Amino acid sequence: MTTDVETVHPDDEISEVLIRLATADFNGFPVVDDDERVVGIVTQHDLVHIFQPSDRTLWIPVGFPPFLETLEYAIDLSWDDLDTELDLLKHAGKPVRTVMTADVVTVEPETDFDRILDLLADDERDINRLPVVDDDGRLLGIVARQDVLRAVRDERRAADERVA
């Protein structure tokens, strides 16, 4: 795990978090309260959705003879420059708690490697990082998919060197 973890607070403004993400080497932050307890996670994915809300997608049913069923086409109405700027202004001052994922999957320092692999490979949750917390939910570190890949790579290289 990485122990030097950059975090954000639930009250941090979305605009501040966007600026920090733009200069970071990763794509998400654990959200921690004043006691360093993990209360959420915010990712680029969460922030992108505020600029493409589902209520601006127009679904048009279209029927083509001789087909009996209609096909639905989605037309995105939200991506012109004006709408994007309005969305940014509308959301920029809101707290990150309004877009963060509150149901965070965490692990403890003793969690075995296979369990971490299972969580990071789960297709339903699409988890890229796992906050590591103590018994009180305080952040101790983070394990990202990249950390796991490096560990597997290093283990394979070490095994190859032992064989050679």
N, C-alpha and C. Protein backbone atom coordinates (compact mmCIF):
# COMPACT_ATOMS: atom_id res chain seq x y z
N MET A 1 0.84 -1.19 0.00
CA MET A 1 0.00 0.00 0.00
C MET A 1 0.88 1.24 0.00
N THR A 2 0.31 2.32 -0.46
CA THR A 2 0.95 3.63 -0.40
C THR A 2 0.44 4.32 0.86
N THR A 3 1.36 4.81 1.68
CA THR A 3 0.93 5.42 2.94
C THR A 3 0.81 6.94 2.85
N ASP A 4 1.47 7.55 1.88
CA ASP A 4 1.37 8.99 1.69
C ASP A 4 0.22 9.26 0.72
N VAL A 5 -0.98 9.42 1.27
CA VAL A 5 -2.19 9.49 0.46
C VAL A 5 -2.74 10.92 0.47
N GLU A 6 -2.98 11.46 -0.73
CA GLU A 6 -3.65 12.75 -0.83
C GLU A 6 -5.14 12.52 -0.67
N THR A 7 -5.75 13.36 0.14
CA THR A 7 -7.18 13.23 0.42
C THR A 7 -7.88 14.56 0.19
N VAL A 8 -9.20 14.49 0.17
CA VAL A 8 -10.02 15.69 0.17
C VAL A 8 -11.02 15.57 1.31
N HIS A 9 -11.60 16.70 1.67
CA HIS A 9 -12.60 16.77 2.75
C HIS A 9 -13.99 16.84 2.10
N PRO A 10 -15.01 16.32 2.75
CA PRO A 10 -16.36 16.37 2.17
C PRO A 10 -16.84 17.78 1.83
N ASP A 11 -16.32 18.78 2.52
CA ASP A 11 -16.74 20.16 2.29
C ASP A 11 -15.91 20.88 1.23
N ASP A 12 -14.84 20.25 0.72
CA ASP A 12 -14.04 20.88 -0.33
C ASP A 12 -14.92 21.11 -1.56
N GLU A 13 -14.71 22.24 -2.21
CA GLU A 13 -15.50 22.56 -3.39
C GLU A 13 -15.07 21.70 -4.58
N ILE A 14 -16.04 21.34 -5.40
CA ILE A 14 -15.78 20.54 -6.59
C ILE A 14 -14.71 21.17 -7.47
N SER A 15 -14.74 22.49 -7.62
CA SER A 15 -13.75 23.17 -8.46
C SER A 15 -12.34 22.95 -7.93
N GLU A 16 -12.16 22.97 -6.60
CA GLU A 16 -10.84 22.72 -6.01
C GLU A 16 -10.36 21.30 -6.30
N VAL A 17 -11.27 20.36 -6.18
CA VAL A 17 -10.93 18.96 -6.42
C VAL A 17 -10.59 18.75 -7.89
N LEU A 18 -11.33 19.37 -8.78
CA LEU A 18 -11.03 19.27 -10.22
C LEU A 18 -9.63 19.80 -10.52
N ILE A 19 -9.26 20.92 -9.92
CA ILE A 19 -7.93 21.49 -10.13
C ILE A 19 -6.86 20.54 -9.60
N ARG A 20 -7.08 19.97 -8.43
CA ARG A 20 -6.10 19.02 -7.86
C ARG A 20 -5.97 17.77 -8.72
N LEU A 21 -7.09 17.27 -9.23
CA LEU A 21 -7.04 16.08 -10.09
C LEU A 21 -6.31 16.35 -11.40
N ALA A 22 -6.46 17.57 -11.90
CA ALA A 22 -5.81 17.92 -13.17
C ALA A 22 -4.29 17.86 -13.07
N THR A 23 -3.75 18.04 -11.88
CA THR A 23 -2.30 18.04 -11.70
C THR A 23 -1.79 16.77 -11.02
N ALA A 24 -2.69 15.86 -10.69
CA ALA A 24 -2.29 14.63 -9.97
C ALA A 24 -1.92 13.53 -10.94
N ASP A 25 -1.15 12.56 -10.43
CA ASP A 25 -0.75 11.39 -11.21
C ASP A 25 -1.74 10.23 -11.05
N PHE A 26 -2.87 10.50 -10.47
CA PHE A 26 -3.89 9.47 -10.23
C PHE A 26 -5.24 10.09 -10.53
N ASN A 27 -6.31 9.30 -10.42
CA ASN A 27 -7.61 9.82 -10.84
C ASN A 27 -8.70 9.76 -9.78
N GLY A 28 -8.31 9.85 -8.51
CA GLY A 28 -9.31 9.87 -7.47
C GLY A 28 -8.70 10.13 -6.10
N PHE A 29 -9.56 10.59 -5.19
CA PHE A 29 -9.14 10.88 -3.83
C PHE A 29 -10.06 10.19 -2.83
N PRO A 30 -9.50 9.64 -1.75
CA PRO A 30 -10.36 9.27 -0.63
C PRO A 30 -10.89 10.57 0.00
N VAL A 31 -12.12 10.53 0.44
CA VAL A 31 -12.71 11.67 1.13
C VAL A 31 -12.73 11.33 2.62
N VAL A 32 -12.06 12.16 3.40
CA VAL A 32 -11.96 11.89 4.84
C VAL A 32 -12.52 13.05 5.65
N ASP A 33 -13.09 12.72 6.81
CA ASP A 33 -13.64 13.75 7.69
C ASP A 33 -12.52 14.33 8.56
N ASP A 34 -12.89 15.16 9.51
CA ASP A 34 -11.90 15.81 10.37
C ASP A 34 -11.08 14.84 11.21
N ASP A 35 -11.63 13.65 11.46
CA ASP A 35 -10.93 12.62 12.25
C ASP A 35 -10.17 11.64 11.37
N GLU A 36 -10.01 11.97 10.07
CA GLU A 36 -9.31 11.12 9.09
C GLU A 36 -10.03 9.80 8.82
N ARG A 37 -11.33 9.75 9.12
CA ARG A 37 -12.13 8.57 8.78
C ARG A 37 -12.59 8.68 7.33
N VAL A 38 -12.52 7.56 6.62
CA VAL A 38 -12.95 7.53 5.22
C VAL A 38 -14.48 7.59 5.18
N VAL A 39 -14.99 8.63 4.50
CA VAL A 39 -16.44 8.79 4.38
C VAL A 39 -16.90 8.70 2.92
N GLY A 40 -15.93 8.59 2.01
CA GLY A 40 -16.28 8.50 0.61
C GLY A 40 -15.05 8.43 -0.25
N ILE A 41 -15.29 8.40 -1.54
CA ILE A 41 -14.20 8.45 -2.52
C ILE A 41 -14.74 9.24 -3.71
N VAL A 42 -13.90 10.07 -4.30
CA VAL A 42 -14.30 10.86 -5.46
C VAL A 42 -13.30 10.61 -6.57
N THR A 43 -13.81 10.33 -7.76
CA THR A 43 -12.95 9.99 -8.89
C THR A 43 -13.27 10.89 -10.08
N GLN A 44 -12.43 10.83 -11.09
CA GLN A 44 -12.71 11.55 -12.32
C GLN A 44 -14.08 11.15 -12.86
N HIS A 45 -14.39 9.87 -12.76
CA HIS A 45 -15.67 9.36 -13.25
C HIS A 45 -16.84 10.09 -12.57
N ASP A 46 -16.75 10.27 -11.24
CA ASP A 46 -17.81 10.97 -10.51
C ASP A 46 -17.96 12.40 -11.01
N LEU A 47 -16.83 13.04 -11.26
CA LEU A 47 -16.85 14.45 -11.66
C LEU A 47 -17.31 14.63 -13.10
N VAL A 48 -16.99 13.69 -13.97
CA VAL A 48 -17.42 13.79 -15.36
C VAL A 48 -18.94 13.73 -15.45
N HIS A 49 -19.57 12.94 -14.60
CA HIS A 49 -21.03 12.80 -14.66
C HIS A 49 -21.78 14.07 -14.35
N ILE A 50 -21.16 15.02 -13.64
CA ILE A 50 -21.88 16.27 -13.39
C ILE A 50 -21.98 17.11 -14.65
N PHE A 51 -21.15 16.80 -15.65
CA PHE A 51 -21.19 17.55 -16.89
C PHE A 51 -21.99 16.83 -17.98
N GLN A 52 -22.50 15.66 -17.68
CA GLN A 52 -23.35 14.96 -18.62
C GLN A 52 -24.48 14.29 -17.85
N PRO A 53 -25.37 15.10 -17.29
CA PRO A 53 -26.46 14.52 -16.51
C PRO A 53 -27.41 13.73 -17.39
N SER A 54 -27.96 12.66 -16.84
CA SER A 54 -28.84 11.79 -17.61
C SER A 54 -30.14 12.49 -18.01
N ASP A 55 -30.54 13.55 -17.28
CA ASP A 55 -31.78 14.22 -17.64
C ASP A 55 -31.67 15.04 -18.91
N ARG A 56 -30.45 15.15 -19.46
CA ARG A 56 -30.27 15.87 -20.72
C ARG A 56 -30.08 14.92 -21.89
N THR A 57 -30.30 13.65 -21.66
CA THR A 57 -30.22 12.69 -22.74
C THR A 57 -31.63 12.43 -23.23
N LEU A 58 -31.84 12.64 -24.49
CA LEU A 58 -33.15 12.47 -25.09
C LEU A 58 -33.21 11.10 -25.75
N TRP A 59 -34.15 10.28 -25.31
CA TRP A 59 -34.33 8.94 -25.88
C TRP A 59 -35.47 9.00 -26.89
N ILE A 60 -35.17 8.64 -28.12
CA ILE A 60 -36.17 8.72 -29.18
C ILE A 60 -36.48 7.31 -29.68
N PRO A 61 -37.72 6.85 -29.48
CA PRO A 61 -38.09 5.54 -30.04
C PRO A 61 -38.36 5.70 -31.54
N VAL A 62 -37.77 4.85 -32.32
CA VAL A 62 -37.94 4.91 -33.77
C VAL A 62 -38.33 3.52 -34.25
N GLY A 63 -39.44 3.42 -34.98
CA GLY A 63 -39.86 2.14 -35.54
C GLY A 63 -39.61 2.11 -37.03
N PHE A 64 -39.06 1.01 -37.50
CA PHE A 64 -38.79 0.85 -38.92
C PHE A 64 -39.56 -0.35 -39.45
N PRO A 65 -40.47 -0.13 -40.38
CA PRO A 65 -41.14 -1.29 -40.98
C PRO A 65 -40.12 -2.10 -41.76
N PRO A 66 -40.16 -3.38 -41.83
CA PRO A 66 -41.22 -4.25 -41.32
C PRO A 66 -40.98 -4.73 -39.88
N PHE A 67 -40.06 -4.08 -39.13
CA PHE A 67 -39.78 -4.52 -37.77
C PHE A 67 -40.95 -4.18 -36.86
N LEU A 68 -41.26 -5.07 -35.95
CA LEU A 68 -42.35 -4.84 -35.02
C LEU A 68 -41.89 -4.08 -33.78
N GLU A 69 -40.62 -4.20 -33.45
CA GLU A 69 -40.11 -3.53 -32.27
C GLU A 69 -39.44 -2.22 -32.65
N THR A 70 -39.49 -1.28 -31.74
CA THR A 70 -38.83 0.00 -32.00
C THR A 70 -37.40 -0.06 -31.45
N LEU A 71 -36.57 0.76 -32.02
CA LEU A 71 -35.21 0.92 -31.52
C LEU A 71 -35.15 2.26 -30.81
N GLU A 72 -34.37 2.34 -29.75
CA GLU A 72 -34.23 3.61 -29.06
C GLU A 72 -32.85 4.18 -29.32
N TYR A 73 -32.81 5.44 -29.64
CA TYR A 73 -31.56 6.13 -29.88
C TYR A 73 -31.40 7.22 -28.82
N ALA A 74 -30.22 7.31 -28.25
CA ALA A 74 -29.94 8.36 -27.28
C ALA A 74 -29.25 9.51 -27.98
N ILE A 75 -29.76 10.68 -27.77
CA ILE A 75 -29.13 11.88 -28.30
C ILE A 75 -28.71 12.72 -27.11
N ASP A 76 -27.43 12.97 -26.99
CA ASP A 76 -26.90 13.75 -25.88
C ASP A 76 -27.03 15.23 -26.22
N LEU A 77 -27.76 15.94 -25.38
CA LEU A 77 -27.99 17.35 -25.63
C LEU A 77 -27.11 18.26 -24.78
N SER A 78 -26.14 17.70 -24.04
CA SER A 78 -25.45 18.50 -23.02
C SER A 78 -24.03 18.89 -23.36
N TRP A 79 -23.51 18.59 -24.53
CA TRP A 79 -22.08 18.76 -24.71
C TRP A 79 -21.66 19.96 -25.54
N ASP A 80 -22.53 20.93 -25.73
CA ASP A 80 -22.01 22.10 -26.41
C ASP A 80 -21.28 22.98 -25.38
N ASP A 81 -20.48 23.90 -25.86
CA ASP A 81 -19.61 24.69 -24.98
C ASP A 81 -20.39 25.44 -23.91
N LEU A 82 -21.51 26.04 -24.30
CA LEU A 82 -22.29 26.83 -23.36
C LEU A 82 -22.81 25.96 -22.21
N ASP A 83 -23.37 24.79 -22.56
CA ASP A 83 -23.89 23.90 -21.52
C ASP A 83 -22.79 23.43 -20.58
N THR A 84 -21.63 23.10 -21.13
CA THR A 84 -20.53 22.64 -20.29
C THR A 84 -20.10 23.74 -19.34
N GLU A 85 -20.01 24.98 -19.84
CA GLU A 85 -19.64 26.10 -18.97
C GLU A 85 -20.70 26.34 -17.90
N LEU A 86 -21.98 26.25 -18.27
CA LEU A 86 -23.05 26.43 -17.29
C LEU A 86 -23.02 25.33 -16.24
N ASP A 87 -22.75 24.09 -16.67
CA ASP A 87 -22.65 22.99 -15.71
C ASP A 87 -21.50 23.23 -14.73
N LEU A 88 -20.37 23.69 -15.27
CA LEU A 88 -19.22 23.96 -14.41
C LEU A 88 -19.56 25.03 -13.39
N LEU A 89 -20.17 26.13 -13.83
CA LEU A 89 -20.55 27.19 -12.92
C LEU A 89 -21.57 26.71 -11.89
N LYS A 90 -22.52 25.91 -12.35
CA LYS A 90 -23.58 25.42 -11.47
C LYS A 90 -23.03 24.52 -10.36
N HIS A 91 -22.00 23.72 -10.67
CA HIS A 91 -21.50 22.73 -9.73
C HIS A 91 -20.20 23.12 -9.03
N ALA A 92 -19.47 24.10 -9.54
CA ALA A 92 -18.13 24.40 -9.06
C ALA A 92 -18.06 24.67 -7.56
N GLY A 93 -19.03 25.38 -7.02
CA GLY A 93 -18.99 25.74 -5.61
C GLY A 93 -19.62 24.72 -4.68
N LYS A 94 -20.18 23.67 -5.23
CA LYS A 94 -20.81 22.65 -4.39
C LYS A 94 -19.75 21.82 -3.68
N PRO A 95 -20.09 21.29 -2.51
CA PRO A 95 -19.12 20.43 -1.81
C PRO A 95 -18.97 19.08 -2.51
N VAL A 96 -17.79 18.51 -2.38
CA VAL A 96 -17.49 17.24 -3.04
C VAL A 96 -18.41 16.12 -2.53
N ARG A 97 -18.97 16.28 -1.35
CA ARG A 97 -19.89 15.25 -0.82
C ARG A 97 -21.09 15.04 -1.74
N THR A 98 -21.41 16.03 -2.59
CA THR A 98 -22.57 15.90 -3.47
C THR A 98 -22.30 14.98 -4.65
N VAL A 99 -21.04 14.69 -4.95
CA VAL A 99 -20.72 13.82 -6.09
C VAL A 99 -19.92 12.58 -5.70
N MET A 100 -19.42 12.54 -4.47
CA MET A 100 -18.57 11.41 -4.06
C MET A 100 -19.38 10.13 -3.95
N THR A 101 -18.69 9.01 -4.01
CA THR A 101 -19.29 7.72 -3.73
C THR A 101 -19.14 7.47 -2.23
N ALA A 102 -20.27 7.36 -1.54
CA ALA A 102 -20.23 7.20 -0.08
C ALA A 102 -20.05 5.74 0.33
N ASP A 103 -20.47 4.83 -0.52
CA ASP A 103 -20.37 3.40 -0.22
C ASP A 103 -19.00 2.92 -0.66
N VAL A 104 -17.99 3.18 0.15
CA VAL A 104 -16.61 2.89 -0.21
C VAL A 104 -16.21 1.49 0.26
N VAL A 105 -15.60 0.74 -0.64
CA VAL A 105 -15.05 -0.56 -0.28
C VAL A 105 -13.64 -0.30 0.26
N THR A 106 -13.41 -0.73 1.49
CA THR A 106 -12.11 -0.55 2.13
C THR A 106 -11.54 -1.90 2.53
N VAL A 107 -10.25 -1.89 2.84
CA VAL A 107 -9.58 -3.09 3.36
C VAL A 107 -8.79 -2.69 4.61
N GLU A 108 -8.38 -3.70 5.35
CA GLU A 108 -7.55 -3.49 6.53
C GLU A 108 -6.13 -3.89 6.20
N PRO A 109 -5.16 -3.47 7.01
CA PRO A 109 -3.76 -3.80 6.72
C PRO A 109 -3.50 -5.31 6.61
N GLU A 110 -4.29 -6.12 7.29
CA GLU A 110 -4.09 -7.57 7.29
C GLU A 110 -4.81 -8.28 6.15
N THR A 111 -5.54 -7.57 5.32
CA THR A 111 -6.29 -8.19 4.23
C THR A 111 -5.32 -8.92 3.30
N ASP A 112 -5.65 -10.18 2.98
CA ASP A 112 -4.71 -10.96 2.16
C ASP A 112 -4.78 -10.54 0.69
N PHE A 113 -3.72 -10.83 -0.01
CA PHE A 113 -3.53 -10.40 -1.39
C PHE A 113 -4.64 -10.92 -2.30
N ASP A 114 -5.06 -12.16 -2.10
CA ASP A 114 -6.12 -12.73 -2.95
C ASP A 114 -7.43 -11.96 -2.80
N ARG A 115 -7.74 -11.53 -1.59
CA ARG A 115 -8.97 -10.75 -1.36
C ARG A 115 -8.86 -9.41 -2.10
N ILE A 116 -7.71 -8.78 -2.04
CA ILE A 116 -7.50 -7.51 -2.75
C ILE A 116 -7.65 -7.73 -4.25
N LEU A 117 -7.09 -8.81 -4.77
CA LEU A 117 -7.25 -9.13 -6.20
C LEU A 117 -8.72 -9.30 -6.57
N ASP A 118 -9.46 -10.02 -5.72
CA ASP A 118 -10.89 -10.22 -5.98
C ASP A 118 -11.64 -8.89 -6.04
N LEU A 119 -11.34 -8.00 -5.11
CA LEU A 119 -12.04 -6.70 -5.08
C LEU A 119 -11.69 -5.85 -6.30
N LEU A 120 -10.42 -5.82 -6.67
CA LEU A 120 -10.00 -4.99 -7.79
C LEU A 120 -10.40 -5.57 -9.15
N ALA A 121 -10.70 -6.87 -9.18
CA ALA A 121 -11.11 -7.51 -10.43
C ALA A 121 -12.63 -7.66 -10.53
N ASP A 122 -13.37 -7.15 -9.57
CA ASP A 122 -14.83 -7.26 -9.56
C ASP A 122 -15.43 -6.40 -10.68
N ASP A 123 -16.07 -7.05 -11.64
CA ASP A 123 -16.65 -6.34 -12.78
C ASP A 123 -17.82 -5.44 -12.39
N GLU A 124 -18.57 -5.82 -11.37
CA GLU A 124 -19.75 -5.05 -10.99
C GLU A 124 -19.38 -3.72 -10.35
N ARG A 125 -18.39 -3.70 -9.48
CA ARG A 125 -18.05 -2.48 -8.74
C ARG A 125 -17.04 -1.61 -9.47
N ASP A 126 -16.21 -2.18 -10.34
CA ASP A 126 -15.18 -1.44 -11.08
C ASP A 126 -14.34 -0.57 -10.15
N ILE A 127 -13.70 -1.21 -9.19
CA ILE A 127 -12.88 -0.51 -8.19
C ILE A 127 -11.46 -0.39 -8.71
N ASN A 128 -10.90 0.81 -8.61
CA ASN A 128 -9.52 1.06 -9.02
C ASN A 128 -8.57 1.26 -7.85
N ARG A 129 -9.12 1.58 -6.70
CA ARG A 129 -8.29 1.82 -5.53
C ARG A 129 -9.05 1.41 -4.28
N LEU A 130 -8.31 0.92 -3.30
CA LEU A 130 -8.91 0.47 -2.04
C LEU A 130 -8.26 1.22 -0.88
N PRO A 131 -9.01 2.09 -0.21
CA PRO A 131 -8.46 2.71 0.99
C PRO A 131 -8.19 1.64 2.06
N VAL A 132 -7.06 1.76 2.72
CA VAL A 132 -6.71 0.86 3.81
C VAL A 132 -7.01 1.61 5.11
N VAL A 133 -7.85 1.02 5.95
CA VAL A 133 -8.30 1.70 7.16
C VAL A 133 -8.03 0.86 8.40
N ASP A 134 -7.97 1.54 9.56
CA ASP A 134 -7.84 0.82 10.82
C ASP A 134 -9.23 0.43 11.31
N ASP A 135 -9.32 -0.10 12.52
CA ASP A 135 -10.60 -0.57 13.06
C ASP A 135 -11.63 0.55 13.22
N ASP A 136 -11.17 1.79 13.34
CA ASP A 136 -12.07 2.93 13.50
C ASP A 136 -12.40 3.61 12.17
N GLY A 137 -11.92 3.05 11.06
CA GLY A 137 -12.20 3.63 9.76
C GLY A 137 -11.26 4.75 9.37
N ARG A 138 -10.19 4.95 10.14
CA ARG A 138 -9.22 6.00 9.81
C ARG A 138 -8.29 5.53 8.70
N LEU A 139 -8.00 6.43 7.79
CA LEU A 139 -7.18 6.11 6.63
C LEU A 139 -5.73 5.87 7.03
N LEU A 140 -5.19 4.72 6.60
CA LEU A 140 -3.79 4.37 6.83
C LEU A 140 -2.99 4.40 5.54
N GLY A 141 -3.67 4.15 4.43
CA GLY A 141 -2.99 4.09 3.14
C GLY A 141 -3.99 3.76 2.04
N ILE A 142 -3.46 3.43 0.88
CA ILE A 142 -4.32 3.07 -0.24
C ILE A 142 -3.61 2.05 -1.11
N VAL A 143 -4.37 1.13 -1.66
CA VAL A 143 -3.86 0.14 -2.61
C VAL A 143 -4.58 0.38 -3.92
N ALA A 144 -3.82 0.70 -4.95
CA ALA A 144 -4.39 0.93 -6.28
C ALA A 144 -4.10 -0.28 -7.16
N ARG A 145 -4.85 -0.40 -8.25
CA ARG A 145 -4.59 -1.49 -9.20
C ARG A 145 -3.13 -1.48 -9.64
N GLN A 146 -2.60 -0.31 -9.85
CA GLN A 146 -1.22 -0.18 -10.29
C GLN A 146 -0.25 -0.76 -9.25
N ASP A 147 -0.55 -0.57 -7.96
CA ASP A 147 0.28 -1.14 -6.90
C ASP A 147 0.27 -2.66 -6.96
N VAL A 148 -0.90 -3.22 -7.22
CA VAL A 148 -1.03 -4.69 -7.30
C VAL A 148 -0.27 -5.21 -8.51
N LEU A 149 -0.40 -4.53 -9.64
CA LEU A 149 0.32 -4.96 -10.84
C LEU A 149 1.83 -4.92 -10.61
N ARG A 150 2.31 -3.86 -9.96
CA ARG A 150 3.75 -3.78 -9.67
C ARG A 150 4.19 -4.93 -8.76
N ALA A 151 3.38 -5.24 -7.75
CA ALA A 151 3.72 -6.32 -6.82
C ALA A 151 3.80 -7.66 -7.55
N VAL A 152 2.84 -7.91 -8.44
CA VAL A 152 2.84 -9.17 -9.22
C VAL A 152 4.07 -9.20 -10.13
N ARG A 153 4.34 -8.08 -10.80
CA ARG A 153 5.52 -8.01 -11.68
C ARG A 153 6.80 -8.27 -10.90
N ASP A 154 6.95 -7.61 -9.77
CA ASP A 154 8.17 -7.77 -8.97
C ASP A 154 8.32 -9.20 -8.45
N GLU A 155 7.21 -9.80 -8.06
CA GLU A 155 7.25 -11.19 -7.59
C GLU A 155 7.66 -12.13 -8.72
N ARG A 156 7.14 -11.91 -9.90
CA ARG A 156 7.50 -12.76 -11.06
C ARG A 156 8.97 -12.59 -11.41
N ARG A 157 9.45 -11.35 -11.38
CA ARG A 157 10.86 -11.11 -11.69
C ARG A 157 11.76 -11.79 -10.66
N ALA A 158 11.38 -11.70 -9.41
CA ALA A 158 12.16 -12.33 -8.33
C ALA A 158 12.15 -13.84 -8.50
N ALA A 159 11.00 -14.42 -8.89
CA ALA A 159 10.92 -15.86 -9.10
C ALA A 159 11.78 -16.28 -10.29
N ASP A 160 11.79 -15.46 -11.35
CA ASP A 160 12.62 -15.76 -12.53
C ASP A 160 14.10 -15.72 -12.17
N GLU A 161 14.49 -14.77 -11.34
CA GLU A 161 15.90 -14.67 -10.92
C GLU A 161 16.31 -15.86 -10.06
N ARG A 162 15.39 -16.35 -9.23
CA ARG A 162 15.70 -17.53 -8.39
C ARG A 162 15.89 -18.77 -9.24
N VAL A 163 15.11 -18.87 -10.34
CA VAL A 163 15.20 -20.03 -11.24
C VAL A 163 16.50 -19.97 -12.06
N ALA A 164 16.87 -18.77 -12.48
CA ALA A 164 18.04 -18.61 -13.36
C ALA A 164 19.29 -18.75 -12.60
